[in-house]
Amino acid sequence: MSDDTAPTKILNIFSLADTEKIGRQIGRLLVPGDVLLLTGDLGAGKTTLTQSIARGLDVPEEYYVTSPSFALMHEYPGRCPLYHFDCYRLSGEDDIEGAGLSEYLATTSGVCVVEWASRLGSLTPDNALTIQIILLPAERRRMVFQSDGASWMQRLEPVIVQFDLNKSG
């Protein structure tokens, strides 16, 4: 999503532990049918965030969440299934459809987390939440949350407020 008019929330993340806390909190609020679109440079923390989201979705600890760069998708059990995609090696919509990934984007049985989501093109679901992770100096990051669906911003508000309170207190 690159719509500058879509509602946006921003969090400054100061450590890997912060990324993990935010991911777990996001995972706890997810419901079947949710789609998260992760963008950011290599090494920005997309897989780390997904690992923490998985824990918030109650994916058992014995399932080590890894980037599905070569498998394209990994499925994990939890409170609801987690479908974790990595579109890095795909060149666009035709590759995504050819791999059968587009069907998962419309699922109502689980949650989809898509790394390198910009490659989805027109397959990008409406009402998905985009999380852009921006690398900053000194290992810090900025997370920019954006969605055309107002419900996402309402759902994220307690997470963002709690995180900001913990950082200022």
N, C-alpha and C. Protein backbone atom coordinates (compact mmCIF):
# COMPACT_ATOMS: atom_id res chain seq x y z
N MET A 1 0.86 -1.18 0.00
CA MET A 1 0.00 0.00 0.00
C MET A 1 0.89 1.22 0.00
N SER A 2 0.61 2.18 -0.83
CA SER A 2 1.38 3.42 -0.86
C SER A 2 0.46 4.63 -0.86
N ASP A 3 -0.75 4.44 -0.43
CA ASP A 3 -1.73 5.51 -0.40
C ASP A 3 -1.43 6.43 0.77
N ASP A 4 -0.97 7.65 0.45
CA ASP A 4 -0.60 8.60 1.50
C ASP A 4 -1.81 9.12 2.27
N THR A 5 -3.02 8.86 1.79
CA THR A 5 -4.22 9.33 2.49
C THR A 5 -4.76 8.29 3.46
N ALA A 6 -4.23 7.07 3.42
CA ALA A 6 -4.72 6.01 4.32
C ALA A 6 -4.30 6.34 5.75
N PRO A 7 -5.15 5.99 6.74
CA PRO A 7 -4.80 6.22 8.14
C PRO A 7 -3.45 5.56 8.47
N THR A 8 -2.64 6.27 9.24
CA THR A 8 -1.29 5.82 9.56
C THR A 8 -1.00 5.98 11.04
N LYS A 9 -0.27 5.02 11.60
CA LYS A 9 0.26 5.10 12.97
C LYS A 9 1.75 4.80 12.86
N ILE A 10 2.56 5.46 13.69
CA ILE A 10 4.00 5.29 13.65
C ILE A 10 4.52 4.96 15.04
N LEU A 11 5.42 3.96 15.10
CA LEU A 11 6.11 3.61 16.34
C LEU A 11 7.61 3.62 16.09
N ASN A 12 8.35 4.22 17.01
CA ASN A 12 9.80 4.13 16.96
C ASN A 12 10.22 2.98 17.87
N ILE A 13 11.00 2.07 17.32
CA ILE A 13 11.42 0.85 18.01
C ILE A 13 12.90 1.00 18.32
N PHE A 14 13.28 0.75 19.58
CA PHE A 14 14.64 1.01 20.01
C PHE A 14 15.49 -0.25 20.19
N SER A 15 14.87 -1.43 20.09
CA SER A 15 15.64 -2.65 20.30
C SER A 15 14.90 -3.84 19.70
N LEU A 16 15.62 -4.95 19.61
CA LEU A 16 15.01 -6.20 19.16
C LEU A 16 13.90 -6.62 20.13
N ALA A 17 14.13 -6.38 21.42
CA ALA A 17 13.12 -6.71 22.43
C ALA A 17 11.83 -5.93 22.19
N ASP A 18 11.95 -4.67 21.76
CA ASP A 18 10.76 -3.87 21.43
C ASP A 18 10.01 -4.50 20.26
N THR A 19 10.76 -4.90 19.24
CA THR A 19 10.14 -5.54 18.08
C THR A 19 9.37 -6.78 18.52
N GLU A 20 9.96 -7.57 19.38
CA GLU A 20 9.32 -8.80 19.86
C GLU A 20 8.06 -8.49 20.67
N LYS A 21 8.11 -7.48 21.53
CA LYS A 21 6.94 -7.10 22.32
C LYS A 21 5.79 -6.65 21.43
N ILE A 22 6.11 -5.79 20.47
CA ILE A 22 5.08 -5.29 19.55
C ILE A 22 4.49 -6.45 18.76
N GLY A 23 5.33 -7.33 18.25
CA GLY A 23 4.85 -8.48 17.47
C GLY A 23 3.91 -9.36 18.27
N ARG A 24 4.27 -9.65 19.51
CA ARG A 24 3.39 -10.49 20.36
C ARG A 24 2.04 -9.80 20.58
N GLN A 25 2.09 -8.50 20.84
CA GLN A 25 0.83 -7.77 21.06
C GLN A 25 -0.03 -7.77 19.81
N ILE A 26 0.59 -7.57 18.66
CA ILE A 26 -0.17 -7.60 17.41
C ILE A 26 -0.76 -8.99 17.21
N GLY A 27 0.04 -10.02 17.43
CA GLY A 27 -0.43 -11.40 17.28
C GLY A 27 -1.65 -11.69 18.14
N ARG A 28 -1.68 -11.13 19.34
CA ARG A 28 -2.81 -11.37 20.26
C ARG A 28 -4.12 -10.77 19.75
N LEU A 29 -4.02 -9.72 18.93
CA LEU A 29 -5.26 -9.08 18.48
C LEU A 29 -5.75 -9.59 17.13
N LEU A 30 -4.97 -10.46 16.49
CA LEU A 30 -5.34 -10.95 15.16
C LEU A 30 -6.46 -11.98 15.22
N VAL A 31 -7.27 -11.99 14.16
CA VAL A 31 -8.38 -12.93 14.02
C VAL A 31 -8.31 -13.56 12.63
N PRO A 32 -8.92 -14.73 12.45
CA PRO A 32 -8.92 -15.36 11.13
C PRO A 32 -9.41 -14.39 10.06
N GLY A 33 -8.72 -14.41 8.94
CA GLY A 33 -9.04 -13.52 7.83
C GLY A 33 -8.16 -12.29 7.76
N ASP A 34 -7.41 -12.00 8.84
CA ASP A 34 -6.52 -10.85 8.83
C ASP A 34 -5.33 -11.10 7.91
N VAL A 35 -4.89 -10.03 7.23
CA VAL A 35 -3.72 -10.09 6.36
C VAL A 35 -2.79 -8.94 6.75
N LEU A 36 -1.53 -9.30 7.04
CA LEU A 36 -0.50 -8.32 7.36
C LEU A 36 0.51 -8.31 6.21
N LEU A 37 0.81 -7.14 5.71
CA LEU A 37 1.73 -6.97 4.60
C LEU A 37 2.99 -6.28 5.12
N LEU A 38 4.10 -7.00 5.12
CA LEU A 38 5.34 -6.47 5.67
C LEU A 38 6.25 -5.98 4.56
N THR A 39 6.73 -4.75 4.71
CA THR A 39 7.67 -4.19 3.75
C THR A 39 8.87 -3.63 4.51
N GLY A 40 9.98 -3.52 3.80
CA GLY A 40 11.20 -2.98 4.39
C GLY A 40 12.40 -3.62 3.73
N ASP A 41 13.54 -3.01 3.90
CA ASP A 41 14.77 -3.51 3.30
C ASP A 41 15.18 -4.84 3.90
N LEU A 42 16.10 -5.53 3.23
CA LEU A 42 16.69 -6.74 3.79
C LEU A 42 17.27 -6.42 5.16
N GLY A 43 17.01 -7.26 6.13
CA GLY A 43 17.54 -7.06 7.46
C GLY A 43 16.76 -6.08 8.32
N ALA A 44 15.63 -5.60 7.84
CA ALA A 44 14.85 -4.62 8.60
C ALA A 44 14.15 -5.25 9.81
N GLY A 45 13.87 -6.55 9.75
CA GLY A 45 13.23 -7.21 10.88
C GLY A 45 11.88 -7.82 10.56
N LYS A 46 11.58 -8.05 9.30
CA LYS A 46 10.29 -8.61 8.91
C LYS A 46 10.09 -10.01 9.49
N THR A 47 11.12 -10.84 9.41
CA THR A 47 10.99 -12.20 9.93
C THR A 47 10.95 -12.19 11.46
N THR A 48 11.74 -11.35 12.09
CA THR A 48 11.70 -11.23 13.55
C THR A 48 10.32 -10.82 14.02
N LEU A 49 9.72 -9.85 13.33
CA LEU A 49 8.37 -9.42 13.68
C LEU A 49 7.39 -10.59 13.50
N THR A 50 7.53 -11.33 12.41
CA THR A 50 6.64 -12.47 12.16
C THR A 50 6.79 -13.53 13.24
N GLN A 51 8.01 -13.80 13.68
CA GLN A 51 8.24 -14.77 14.76
C GLN A 51 7.48 -14.37 16.01
N SER A 52 7.50 -13.09 16.33
CA SER A 52 6.80 -12.61 17.53
C SER A 52 5.29 -12.60 17.34
N ILE A 53 4.84 -12.28 16.15
CA ILE A 53 3.41 -12.35 15.85
C ILE A 53 2.93 -13.78 16.05
N ALA A 54 3.74 -14.75 15.60
CA ALA A 54 3.39 -16.16 15.76
C ALA A 54 3.21 -16.51 17.23
N ARG A 55 4.07 -16.02 18.09
CA ARG A 55 3.94 -16.30 19.53
C ARG A 55 2.66 -15.67 20.08
N GLY A 56 2.31 -14.49 19.60
CA GLY A 56 1.06 -13.85 20.01
C GLY A 56 -0.16 -14.60 19.52
N LEU A 57 0.01 -15.38 18.45
CA LEU A 57 -1.07 -16.24 17.92
C LEU A 57 -1.05 -17.62 18.56
N ASP A 58 -0.22 -17.79 19.58
CA ASP A 58 -0.08 -19.06 20.31
C ASP A 58 0.46 -20.20 19.45
N VAL A 59 1.33 -19.86 18.50
CA VAL A 59 2.05 -20.90 17.79
C VAL A 59 3.00 -21.52 18.82
N PRO A 60 2.97 -22.85 18.99
CA PRO A 60 3.80 -23.48 20.02
C PRO A 60 5.30 -23.18 19.82
N GLU A 61 6.02 -23.08 20.94
CA GLU A 61 7.45 -22.77 20.91
C GLU A 61 8.26 -23.77 20.09
N GLU A 62 7.79 -25.02 20.00
CA GLU A 62 8.57 -26.02 19.25
C GLU A 62 8.56 -25.76 17.73
N TYR A 63 7.71 -24.85 17.29
CA TYR A 63 7.69 -24.46 15.88
C TYR A 63 8.57 -23.22 15.73
N TYR A 64 9.73 -23.42 15.14
CA TYR A 64 10.62 -22.30 14.91
C TYR A 64 10.20 -21.62 13.61
N VAL A 65 9.80 -20.38 13.70
CA VAL A 65 9.31 -19.63 12.56
C VAL A 65 10.50 -19.08 11.78
N THR A 66 10.60 -19.50 10.54
CA THR A 66 11.69 -19.05 9.67
C THR A 66 11.11 -18.41 8.42
N SER A 67 11.93 -17.64 7.76
CA SER A 67 11.49 -17.02 6.52
C SER A 67 11.35 -18.10 5.44
N PRO A 68 10.21 -18.16 4.80
CA PRO A 68 10.00 -19.17 3.76
C PRO A 68 10.52 -18.73 2.39
N SER A 69 11.73 -18.20 2.35
CA SER A 69 12.29 -17.67 1.11
C SER A 69 12.28 -18.67 -0.03
N PHE A 70 12.61 -19.92 0.26
CA PHE A 70 12.67 -20.92 -0.79
C PHE A 70 11.42 -21.77 -0.86
N ALA A 71 10.74 -21.95 0.26
CA ALA A 71 9.49 -22.72 0.27
C ALA A 71 8.30 -21.86 -0.15
N LEU A 72 8.45 -20.55 -0.10
CA LEU A 72 7.44 -19.54 -0.43
C LEU A 72 6.39 -19.36 0.65
N MET A 73 5.97 -20.46 1.31
CA MET A 73 4.99 -20.33 2.39
C MET A 73 5.24 -21.41 3.43
N HIS A 74 5.11 -21.01 4.70
CA HIS A 74 5.09 -21.96 5.81
C HIS A 74 3.77 -21.78 6.53
N GLU A 75 3.21 -22.89 6.99
CA GLU A 75 1.98 -22.86 7.78
C GLU A 75 2.29 -23.33 9.18
N TYR A 76 1.76 -22.59 10.17
CA TYR A 76 1.99 -22.91 11.57
C TYR A 76 0.66 -23.00 12.30
N PRO A 77 0.53 -23.97 13.22
CA PRO A 77 -0.70 -24.07 14.01
C PRO A 77 -0.65 -23.08 15.17
N GLY A 78 -1.81 -22.65 15.60
CA GLY A 78 -1.91 -21.75 16.74
C GLY A 78 -3.37 -21.55 17.07
N ARG A 79 -3.67 -20.44 17.68
CA ARG A 79 -5.07 -20.10 17.96
C ARG A 79 -5.88 -20.15 16.68
N CYS A 80 -5.25 -19.78 15.59
CA CYS A 80 -5.74 -19.99 14.22
C CYS A 80 -4.49 -20.20 13.37
N PRO A 81 -4.61 -20.84 12.22
CA PRO A 81 -3.41 -21.07 11.41
C PRO A 81 -2.73 -19.76 11.00
N LEU A 82 -1.41 -19.81 10.98
CA LEU A 82 -0.61 -18.69 10.48
C LEU A 82 -0.02 -19.13 9.15
N TYR A 83 -0.31 -18.38 8.09
CA TYR A 83 0.24 -18.61 6.77
C TYR A 83 1.29 -17.52 6.53
N HIS A 84 2.56 -17.92 6.52
CA HIS A 84 3.67 -16.97 6.41
C HIS A 84 4.27 -17.09 5.01
N PHE A 85 4.15 -16.02 4.22
CA PHE A 85 4.67 -15.99 2.85
C PHE A 85 5.94 -15.16 2.81
N ASP A 86 6.78 -15.47 1.83
CA ASP A 86 7.91 -14.62 1.50
C ASP A 86 7.92 -14.49 -0.02
N CYS A 87 7.62 -13.31 -0.52
CA CYS A 87 7.51 -13.09 -1.96
C CYS A 87 8.80 -12.57 -2.57
N TYR A 88 9.89 -12.58 -1.81
CA TYR A 88 11.16 -12.01 -2.29
C TYR A 88 11.60 -12.61 -3.62
N ARG A 89 11.49 -13.92 -3.77
CA ARG A 89 11.95 -14.60 -4.97
C ARG A 89 10.94 -14.57 -6.11
N LEU A 90 9.77 -14.02 -5.86
CA LEU A 90 8.73 -13.98 -6.89
C LEU A 90 8.78 -12.63 -7.60
N SER A 91 8.52 -12.66 -8.91
CA SER A 91 8.65 -11.42 -9.67
C SER A 91 7.35 -10.64 -9.78
N GLY A 92 6.24 -11.22 -9.36
CA GLY A 92 5.00 -10.47 -9.44
C GLY A 92 3.78 -11.36 -9.35
N GLU A 93 2.67 -10.80 -9.77
CA GLU A 93 1.36 -11.44 -9.62
C GLU A 93 1.28 -12.83 -10.27
N ASP A 94 1.83 -12.97 -11.47
CA ASP A 94 1.76 -14.27 -12.15
C ASP A 94 2.46 -15.36 -11.34
N ASP A 95 3.63 -15.03 -10.78
CA ASP A 95 4.35 -16.01 -9.96
C ASP A 95 3.56 -16.35 -8.69
N ILE A 96 2.94 -15.34 -8.11
CA ILE A 96 2.17 -15.55 -6.88
C ILE A 96 0.97 -16.44 -7.15
N GLU A 97 0.26 -16.15 -8.23
CA GLU A 97 -0.88 -17.00 -8.59
C GLU A 97 -0.43 -18.40 -8.99
N GLY A 98 0.68 -18.50 -9.73
CA GLY A 98 1.20 -19.78 -10.15
C GLY A 98 1.61 -20.67 -8.97
N ALA A 99 2.06 -20.04 -7.89
CA ALA A 99 2.46 -20.78 -6.70
C ALA A 99 1.26 -21.11 -5.80
N GLY A 100 0.08 -20.62 -6.16
CA GLY A 100 -1.12 -20.90 -5.37
C GLY A 100 -1.26 -20.06 -4.12
N LEU A 101 -0.47 -19.01 -4.00
CA LEU A 101 -0.50 -18.19 -2.79
C LEU A 101 -1.70 -17.25 -2.73
N SER A 102 -2.22 -16.86 -3.88
CA SER A 102 -3.33 -15.90 -3.89
C SER A 102 -4.56 -16.46 -3.19
N GLU A 103 -4.74 -17.75 -3.23
CA GLU A 103 -5.90 -18.37 -2.56
C GLU A 103 -5.87 -18.13 -1.05
N TYR A 104 -4.68 -18.14 -0.48
CA TYR A 104 -4.56 -17.95 0.97
C TYR A 104 -4.91 -16.52 1.37
N LEU A 105 -4.69 -15.57 0.48
CA LEU A 105 -4.96 -14.18 0.81
C LEU A 105 -6.45 -13.93 1.05
N ALA A 106 -7.29 -14.80 0.55
CA ALA A 106 -8.74 -14.66 0.73
C ALA A 106 -9.28 -15.59 1.81
N THR A 107 -8.40 -16.30 2.50
CA THR A 107 -8.86 -17.26 3.49
C THR A 107 -9.52 -16.58 4.69
N THR A 108 -10.46 -17.25 5.26
CA THR A 108 -11.06 -16.77 6.51
C THR A 108 -10.75 -17.75 7.65
N SER A 109 -9.89 -18.73 7.35
CA SER A 109 -9.57 -19.73 8.38
C SER A 109 -8.32 -19.39 9.16
N GLY A 110 -7.49 -18.50 8.64
CA GLY A 110 -6.24 -18.19 9.32
C GLY A 110 -5.80 -16.76 9.07
N VAL A 111 -4.58 -16.48 9.50
CA VAL A 111 -3.97 -15.16 9.36
C VAL A 111 -2.82 -15.28 8.36
N CYS A 112 -2.72 -14.34 7.44
CA CYS A 112 -1.61 -14.31 6.47
C CYS A 112 -0.65 -13.18 6.85
N VAL A 113 0.64 -13.52 6.89
CA VAL A 113 1.69 -12.52 7.04
C VAL A 113 2.56 -12.65 5.81
N VAL A 114 2.69 -11.56 5.06
CA VAL A 114 3.37 -11.58 3.77
C VAL A 114 4.60 -10.68 3.81
N GLU A 115 5.79 -11.29 3.70
CA GLU A 115 7.01 -10.51 3.57
C GLU A 115 7.21 -10.15 2.09
N TRP A 116 7.79 -8.99 1.84
CA TRP A 116 7.99 -8.47 0.49
C TRP A 116 6.63 -8.33 -0.21
N ALA A 117 5.69 -7.77 0.51
CA ALA A 117 4.30 -7.68 0.07
C ALA A 117 4.11 -6.79 -1.15
N SER A 118 5.04 -5.91 -1.44
CA SER A 118 4.87 -5.03 -2.60
C SER A 118 4.79 -5.83 -3.89
N ARG A 119 5.26 -7.07 -3.89
CA ARG A 119 5.22 -7.90 -5.08
C ARG A 119 3.83 -8.45 -5.37
N LEU A 120 2.88 -8.25 -4.45
CA LEU A 120 1.51 -8.74 -4.66
C LEU A 120 0.80 -7.96 -5.75
N GLY A 121 1.15 -6.70 -5.95
CA GLY A 121 0.50 -5.88 -6.97
C GLY A 121 -1.01 -5.82 -6.77
N SER A 122 -1.76 -6.11 -7.81
CA SER A 122 -3.23 -6.02 -7.74
C SER A 122 -3.84 -7.13 -6.88
N LEU A 123 -3.04 -8.10 -6.47
CA LEU A 123 -3.54 -9.17 -5.60
C LEU A 123 -3.58 -8.73 -4.13
N THR A 124 -3.08 -7.54 -3.86
CA THR A 124 -3.09 -7.02 -2.50
C THR A 124 -4.53 -6.90 -2.00
N PRO A 125 -4.85 -7.59 -0.91
CA PRO A 125 -6.23 -7.54 -0.41
C PRO A 125 -6.59 -6.15 0.12
N ASP A 126 -7.84 -5.78 -0.10
CA ASP A 126 -8.36 -4.58 0.54
C ASP A 126 -8.41 -4.87 2.04
N ASN A 127 -8.31 -3.86 2.83
CA ASN A 127 -8.45 -3.99 4.28
C ASN A 127 -7.32 -4.78 4.94
N ALA A 128 -6.18 -4.90 4.26
CA ALA A 128 -5.00 -5.50 4.88
C ALA A 128 -4.28 -4.41 5.68
N LEU A 129 -3.44 -4.83 6.60
CA LEU A 129 -2.61 -3.89 7.36
C LEU A 129 -1.19 -3.97 6.82
N THR A 130 -0.67 -2.85 6.36
CA THR A 130 0.72 -2.77 5.91
C THR A 130 1.57 -2.30 7.08
N ILE A 131 2.67 -3.03 7.31
CA ILE A 131 3.64 -2.61 8.32
C ILE A 131 4.96 -2.42 7.60
N GLN A 132 5.35 -1.17 7.46
CA GLN A 132 6.64 -0.85 6.85
C GLN A 132 7.65 -0.71 7.97
N ILE A 133 8.78 -1.42 7.83
CA ILE A 133 9.84 -1.34 8.83
C ILE A 133 11.01 -0.59 8.20
N ILE A 134 11.35 0.52 8.81
CA ILE A 134 12.40 1.39 8.29
C ILE A 134 13.60 1.31 9.23
N LEU A 135 14.77 0.98 8.66
CA LEU A 135 16.00 0.94 9.44
C LEU A 135 16.47 2.36 9.76
N LEU A 136 16.84 2.58 11.02
CA LEU A 136 17.36 3.86 11.46
C LEU A 136 18.76 3.64 12.03
N PRO A 137 19.51 4.68 12.28
CA PRO A 137 20.84 4.50 12.88
C PRO A 137 20.76 3.81 14.24
N ALA A 138 21.86 3.20 14.63
CA ALA A 138 22.03 2.58 15.95
C ALA A 138 21.03 1.45 16.19
N GLU A 139 20.79 0.64 15.14
CA GLU A 139 19.95 -0.55 15.28
C GLU A 139 18.48 -0.25 15.58
N ARG A 140 18.09 1.01 15.51
CA ARG A 140 16.69 1.36 15.75
C ARG A 140 15.89 1.17 14.49
N ARG A 141 14.56 1.12 14.68
CA ARG A 141 13.66 0.98 13.54
C ARG A 141 12.42 1.85 13.76
N ARG A 142 11.77 2.14 12.68
CA ARG A 142 10.48 2.83 12.74
C ARG A 142 9.48 1.91 12.06
N MET A 143 8.36 1.67 12.74
CA MET A 143 7.28 0.88 12.15
C MET A 143 6.16 1.83 11.77
N VAL A 144 5.78 1.76 10.51
CA VAL A 144 4.70 2.59 9.99
C VAL A 144 3.55 1.64 9.66
N PHE A 145 2.44 1.81 10.35
CA PHE A 145 1.25 0.99 10.18
C PHE A 145 0.26 1.77 9.32
N GLN A 146 -0.24 1.12 8.28
CA GLN A 146 -1.14 1.82 7.37
C GLN A 146 -2.19 0.85 6.84
N SER A 147 -3.44 1.33 6.78
CA SER A 147 -4.52 0.52 6.23
C SER A 147 -5.66 1.41 5.79
N ASP A 148 -6.33 0.97 4.72
CA ASP A 148 -7.55 1.66 4.30
C ASP A 148 -8.70 1.34 5.23
N GLY A 149 -8.58 0.23 5.96
CA GLY A 149 -9.63 -0.18 6.89
C GLY A 149 -9.47 0.52 8.23
N ALA A 150 -10.42 1.36 8.59
CA ALA A 150 -10.34 2.11 9.85
C ALA A 150 -10.30 1.18 11.06
N SER A 151 -10.84 -0.01 10.92
CA SER A 151 -10.86 -0.92 12.06
C SER A 151 -9.45 -1.29 12.51
N TRP A 152 -8.49 -1.36 11.57
CA TRP A 152 -7.12 -1.67 11.96
C TRP A 152 -6.56 -0.62 12.92
N MET A 153 -6.78 0.64 12.62
CA MET A 153 -6.23 1.69 13.46
C MET A 153 -6.86 1.65 14.86
N GLN A 154 -8.15 1.32 14.92
CA GLN A 154 -8.81 1.18 16.22
C GLN A 154 -8.24 0.00 16.99
N ARG A 155 -8.01 -1.10 16.31
CA ARG A 155 -7.47 -2.29 16.96
C ARG A 155 -6.04 -2.08 17.43
N LEU A 156 -5.26 -1.31 16.67
CA LEU A 156 -3.86 -1.07 17.01
C LEU A 156 -3.67 -0.02 18.11
N GLU A 157 -4.65 0.83 18.29
CA GLU A 157 -4.51 1.94 19.23
C GLU A 157 -4.03 1.51 20.63
N PRO A 158 -4.62 0.48 21.25
CA PRO A 158 -4.14 0.09 22.58
C PRO A 158 -2.69 -0.39 22.57
N VAL A 159 -2.27 -1.05 21.52
CA VAL A 159 -0.89 -1.53 21.41
C VAL A 159 0.06 -0.34 21.35
N ILE A 160 -0.27 0.63 20.52
CA ILE A 160 0.59 1.80 20.35
C ILE A 160 0.62 2.64 21.61
N VAL A 161 -0.53 2.86 22.22
CA VAL A 161 -0.59 3.64 23.46
C VAL A 161 0.22 2.95 24.55
N GLN A 162 0.06 1.65 24.72
CA GLN A 162 0.80 0.91 25.74
C GLN A 162 2.30 0.98 25.50
N PHE A 163 2.71 0.82 24.26
CA PHE A 163 4.13 0.89 23.93
C PHE A 163 4.69 2.28 24.24
N ASP A 164 3.97 3.33 23.84
CA ASP A 164 4.41 4.69 24.09
C ASP A 164 4.47 4.97 25.59
N LEU A 165 3.51 4.47 26.36
CA LEU A 165 3.51 4.66 27.82
C LEU A 165 4.72 3.97 28.44
N ASN A 166 5.03 2.77 27.98
CA ASN A 166 6.18 2.05 28.53
C ASN A 166 7.49 2.77 28.21
N LYS A 167 7.57 3.42 27.05
CA LYS A 167 8.79 4.12 26.66
C LYS A 167 8.95 5.45 27.41
N SER A 168 7.83 6.06 27.78
CA SER A 168 7.92 7.37 28.44
C SER A 168 7.93 7.24 29.97
N GLY A 169 7.59 6.05 30.47
CA GLY A 169 7.48 5.89 31.92
C GLY A 169 8.64 5.28 32.59
